[in-house]
Amino acid sequence: MGSYLSIVNNTDDPWTCKIGPDEAALKIAGIAISVVGTLAT
């Protein structure tokens, strides 16, 4: 299971990028891992 970030450039500036929904997915995964870890102990 690998993790990655999708960087989406949806602005007029080529040097300005926004991190897409994968960032939110990583936060949700982090919360889920914390809950599972708590229940497992």
PDB file of N, CA and C in Angstrom:
ATOM      1  N   MET A   1       0.851  -1.186   0.000  1.00  0.00           N
ATOM      2  CA  MET A   1       0.000   0.000   0.000  1.00  0.00           C
ATOM      3  C   MET A   1       0.888   1.238   0.000  1.00  0.00           C
ATOM      4  N   GLY A   2       0.896   1.939  -1.095  1.00  0.00           N
ATOM      5  CA  GLY A   2       1.740   3.121  -1.200  1.00  0.00           C
ATOM      6  C   GLY A   2       0.942   4.385  -0.965  1.00  0.00           C
ATOM      7  N   SER A   3       1.649   5.433  -0.634  1.00  0.00           N
ATOM      8  CA  SER A   3       0.990   6.727  -0.463  1.00  0.00           C
ATOM      9  C   SER A   3       1.593   7.710  -1.446  1.00  0.00           C
ATOM     10  N   TYR A   4       0.781   8.628  -1.895  1.00  0.00           N
ATOM     11  CA  TYR A   4       1.264   9.609  -2.856  1.00  0.00           C
ATOM     12  C   TYR A   4       0.399  10.849  -2.773  1.00  0.00           C
ATOM     13  N   LEU A   5       0.913  11.941  -3.307  1.00  0.00           N
ATOM     14  CA  LEU A   5       0.157  13.187  -3.363  1.00  0.00           C
ATOM     15  C   LEU A   5      -0.021  13.586  -4.810  1.00  0.00           C
ATOM     16  N   SER A   6      -1.211  13.966  -5.172  1.00  0.00           N
ATOM     17  CA  SER A   6      -1.457  14.500  -6.504  1.00  0.00           C
ATOM     18  C   SER A   6      -1.422  16.017  -6.409  1.00  0.00           C
ATOM     19  N   ILE A   7      -0.527  16.623  -7.175  1.00  0.00           N
ATOM     20  CA  ILE A   7      -0.424  18.078  -7.164  1.00  0.00           C
ATOM     21  C   ILE A   7      -1.143  18.611  -8.391  1.00  0.00           C
ATOM     22  N   VAL A   8      -2.130  19.442  -8.164  1.00  0.00           N
ATOM     23  CA  VAL A   8      -2.950  19.978  -9.246  1.00  0.00           C
ATOM     24  C   VAL A   8      -2.671  21.465  -9.373  1.00  0.00           C
ATOM     25  N   ASN A   9      -2.333  21.893 -10.576  1.00  0.00           N
ATOM     26  CA  ASN A   9      -2.105  23.314 -10.815  1.00  0.00           C
ATOM     27  C   ASN A   9      -3.334  23.869 -11.505  1.00  0.00           C
ATOM     28  N   ASN A  10      -4.229  24.469 -10.722  1.00  0.00           N
ATOM     29  CA  ASN A  10      -5.455  25.028 -11.292  1.00  0.00           C
ATOM     30  C   ASN A  10      -5.452  26.549 -11.185  1.00  0.00           C
ATOM     31  N   THR A  11      -4.257  27.132 -11.169  1.00  0.00           N
ATOM     32  CA  THR A  11      -4.141  28.581 -11.074  1.00  0.00           C
ATOM     33  C   THR A  11      -3.476  29.121 -12.332  1.00  0.00           C
ATOM     34  N   ASP A  12      -3.477  30.434 -12.461  1.00  0.00           N
ATOM     35  CA  ASP A  12      -2.835  31.054 -13.622  1.00  0.00           C
ATOM     36  C   ASP A  12      -1.314  31.059 -13.490  1.00  0.00           C
ATOM     37  N   ASP A  13      -0.828  30.921 -12.277  1.00  0.00           N
ATOM     38  CA  ASP A  13       0.615  30.956 -12.060  1.00  0.00           C
ATOM     39  C   ASP A  13       1.188  29.546 -12.142  1.00  0.00           C
ATOM     40  N   PRO A  14       2.127  29.309 -13.059  1.00  0.00           N
ATOM     41  CA  PRO A  14       2.664  27.947 -13.211  1.00  0.00           C
ATOM     42  C   PRO A  14       3.435  27.471 -11.989  1.00  0.00           C
ATOM     43  N   TRP A  15       3.900  28.408 -11.130  1.00  0.00           N
ATOM     44  CA  TRP A  15       4.676  28.001  -9.964  1.00  0.00           C
ATOM     45  C   TRP A  15       3.788  27.816  -8.735  1.00  0.00           C
ATOM     46  N   THR A  16       2.502  28.087  -8.875  1.00  0.00           N
ATOM     47  CA  THR A  16       1.590  27.933  -7.748  1.00  0.00           C
ATOM     48  C   THR A  16       0.789  26.647  -7.934  1.00  0.00           C
ATOM     49  N   CYS A  17       0.964  25.726  -7.017  1.00  0.00           N
ATOM     50  CA  CYS A  17       0.257  24.451  -7.119  1.00  0.00           C
ATOM     51  C   CYS A  17      -0.581  24.232  -5.863  1.00  0.00           C
ATOM     52  N   LYS A  18      -1.641  23.485  -6.014  1.00  0.00           N
ATOM     53  CA  LYS A  18      -2.505  23.153  -4.888  1.00  0.00           C
ATOM     54  C   LYS A  18      -2.513  21.643  -4.729  1.00  0.00           C
ATOM     55  N   ILE A  19      -2.400  21.186  -3.509  1.00  0.00           N
ATOM     56  CA  ILE A  19      -2.477  19.755  -3.254  1.00  0.00           C
ATOM     57  C   ILE A  19      -3.947  19.346  -3.282  1.00  0.00           C
ATOM     58  N   GLY A  20      -4.224  18.300  -4.016  1.00  0.00           N
ATOM     59  CA  GLY A  20      -5.602  17.883  -4.270  1.00  0.00           C
ATOM     60  C   GLY A  20      -6.210  17.074  -3.142  1.00  0.00           C
ATOM     61  N   PRO A  21      -7.264  16.358  -3.443  1.00  0.00           N
ATOM     62  CA  PRO A  21      -8.021  15.613  -2.420  1.00  0.00           C
ATOM     63  C   PRO A  21      -7.212  14.508  -1.755  1.00  0.00           C
ATOM     64  N   ASP A  22      -6.062  14.138  -2.327  1.00  0.00           N
ATOM     65  CA  ASP A  22      -5.256  13.102  -1.690  1.00  0.00           C
ATOM     66  C   ASP A  22      -4.771  13.542  -0.311  1.00  0.00           C
ATOM     67  N   GLU A  23      -4.570  14.852  -0.135  1.00  0.00           N
ATOM     68  CA  GLU A  23      -4.129  15.340   1.176  1.00  0.00           C
ATOM     69  C   GLU A  23      -5.205  15.053   2.218  1.00  0.00           C
ATOM     70  N   ALA A  24      -6.459  15.287   1.861  1.00  0.00           N
ATOM     71  CA  ALA A  24      -7.562  14.997   2.776  1.00  0.00           C
ATOM     72  C   ALA A  24      -7.643  13.498   3.040  1.00  0.00           C
ATOM     73  N   ALA A  25      -7.401  12.695   2.008  1.00  0.00           N
ATOM     74  CA  ALA A  25      -7.442  11.243   2.177  1.00  0.00           C
ATOM     75  C   ALA A  25      -6.353  10.786   3.146  1.00  0.00           C
ATOM     76  N   LEU A  26      -5.183  11.408   3.069  1.00  0.00           N
ATOM     77  CA  LEU A  26      -4.105  11.041   3.988  1.00  0.00           C
ATOM     78  C   LEU A  26      -4.471  11.400   5.423  1.00  0.00           C
ATOM     79  N   LYS A  27      -5.135  12.530   5.616  1.00  0.00           N
ATOM     80  CA  LYS A  27      -5.552  12.912   6.969  1.00  0.00           C
ATOM     81  C   LYS A  27      -6.571  11.912   7.503  1.00  0.00           C
ATOM     82  N   ILE A  28      -7.525  11.517   6.663  1.00  0.00           N
ATOM     83  CA  ILE A  28      -8.538  10.544   7.079  1.00  0.00           C
ATOM     84  C   ILE A  28      -7.870   9.209   7.401  1.00  0.00           C
ATOM     85  N   ALA A  29      -6.906   8.802   6.565  1.00  0.00           N
ATOM     86  CA  ALA A  29      -6.201   7.543   6.806  1.00  0.00           C
ATOM     87  C   ALA A  29      -5.442   7.612   8.130  1.00  0.00           C
ATOM     88  N   GLY A  30      -4.837   8.762   8.419  1.00  0.00           N
ATOM     89  CA  GLY A  30      -4.113   8.915   9.677  1.00  0.00           C
ATOM     90  C   GLY A  30      -5.034   8.767  10.875  1.00  0.00           C
ATOM     91  N   ILE A  31      -6.226   9.334  10.779  1.00  0.00           N
ATOM     92  CA  ILE A  31      -7.205   9.215  11.864  1.00  0.00           C
ATOM     93  C   ILE A  31      -7.641   7.758  12.013  1.00  0.00           C
ATOM     94  N   ALA A  32      -7.901   7.092  10.886  1.00  0.00           N
ATOM     95  CA  ALA A  32      -8.340   5.695  10.930  1.00  0.00           C
ATOM     96  C   ALA A  32      -7.259   4.815  11.550  1.00  0.00           C
ATOM     97  N   ILE A  33      -5.995   5.045  11.184  1.00  0.00           N
ATOM     98  CA  ILE A  33      -4.896   4.253  11.744  1.00  0.00           C
ATOM     99  C   ILE A  33      -4.797   4.483  13.250  1.00  0.00           C
ATOM    100  N   SER A  34      -4.997   5.722  13.678  1.00  0.00           N
ATOM    101  CA  SER A  34      -4.948   6.023  15.108  1.00  0.00           C
ATOM    102  C   SER A  34      -6.049   5.286  15.859  1.00  0.00           C
ATOM    103  N   VAL A  35      -7.245   5.262  15.289  1.00  0.00           N
ATOM    104  CA  VAL A  35      -8.365   4.582  15.942  1.00  0.00           C
ATOM    105  C   VAL A  35      -8.101   3.085  16.023  1.00  0.00           C
ATOM    106  N   VAL A  36      -7.640   2.498  14.921  1.00  0.00           N
ATOM    107  CA  VAL A  36      -7.353   1.059  14.917  1.00  0.00           C
ATOM    108  C   VAL A  36      -6.247   0.738  15.920  1.00  0.00           C
ATOM    109  N   GLY A  37      -5.222   1.582  15.960  1.00  0.00           N
ATOM    110  CA  GLY A  37      -4.139   1.362  16.912  1.00  0.00           C
ATOM    111  C   GLY A  37      -4.621   1.424  18.349  1.00  0.00           C
ATOM    112  N   THR A  38      -5.540   2.337  18.620  1.00  0.00           N
ATOM    113  CA  THR A  38      -6.078   2.465  19.973  1.00  0.00           C
ATOM    114  C   THR A  38      -6.910   1.239  20.345  1.00  0.00           C
ATOM    115  N   LEU A  39      -7.709   0.763  19.401  1.00  0.00           N
ATOM    116  CA  LEU A  39      -8.552  -0.395  19.683  1.00  0.00           C
ATOM    117  C   LEU A  39      -7.723  -1.670  19.828  1.00  0.00           C
ATOM    118  N   ALA A  40      -6.597  -1.744  19.138  1.00  0.00           N
ATOM    119  CA  ALA A  40      -5.792  -2.963  19.151  1.00  0.00           C
ATOM    120  C   ALA A  40      -5.029  -3.130  20.458  1.00  0.00           C
ATOM    121  N   THR A  41      -4.852  -2.058  21.204  1.00  0.00           N
ATOM    122  CA  THR A  41      -4.057  -2.163  22.436  1.00  0.00           C
ATOM    123  C   THR A  41      -4.934  -2.489  23.630  1.00  0.00           C
TER     124      THR A  41
END
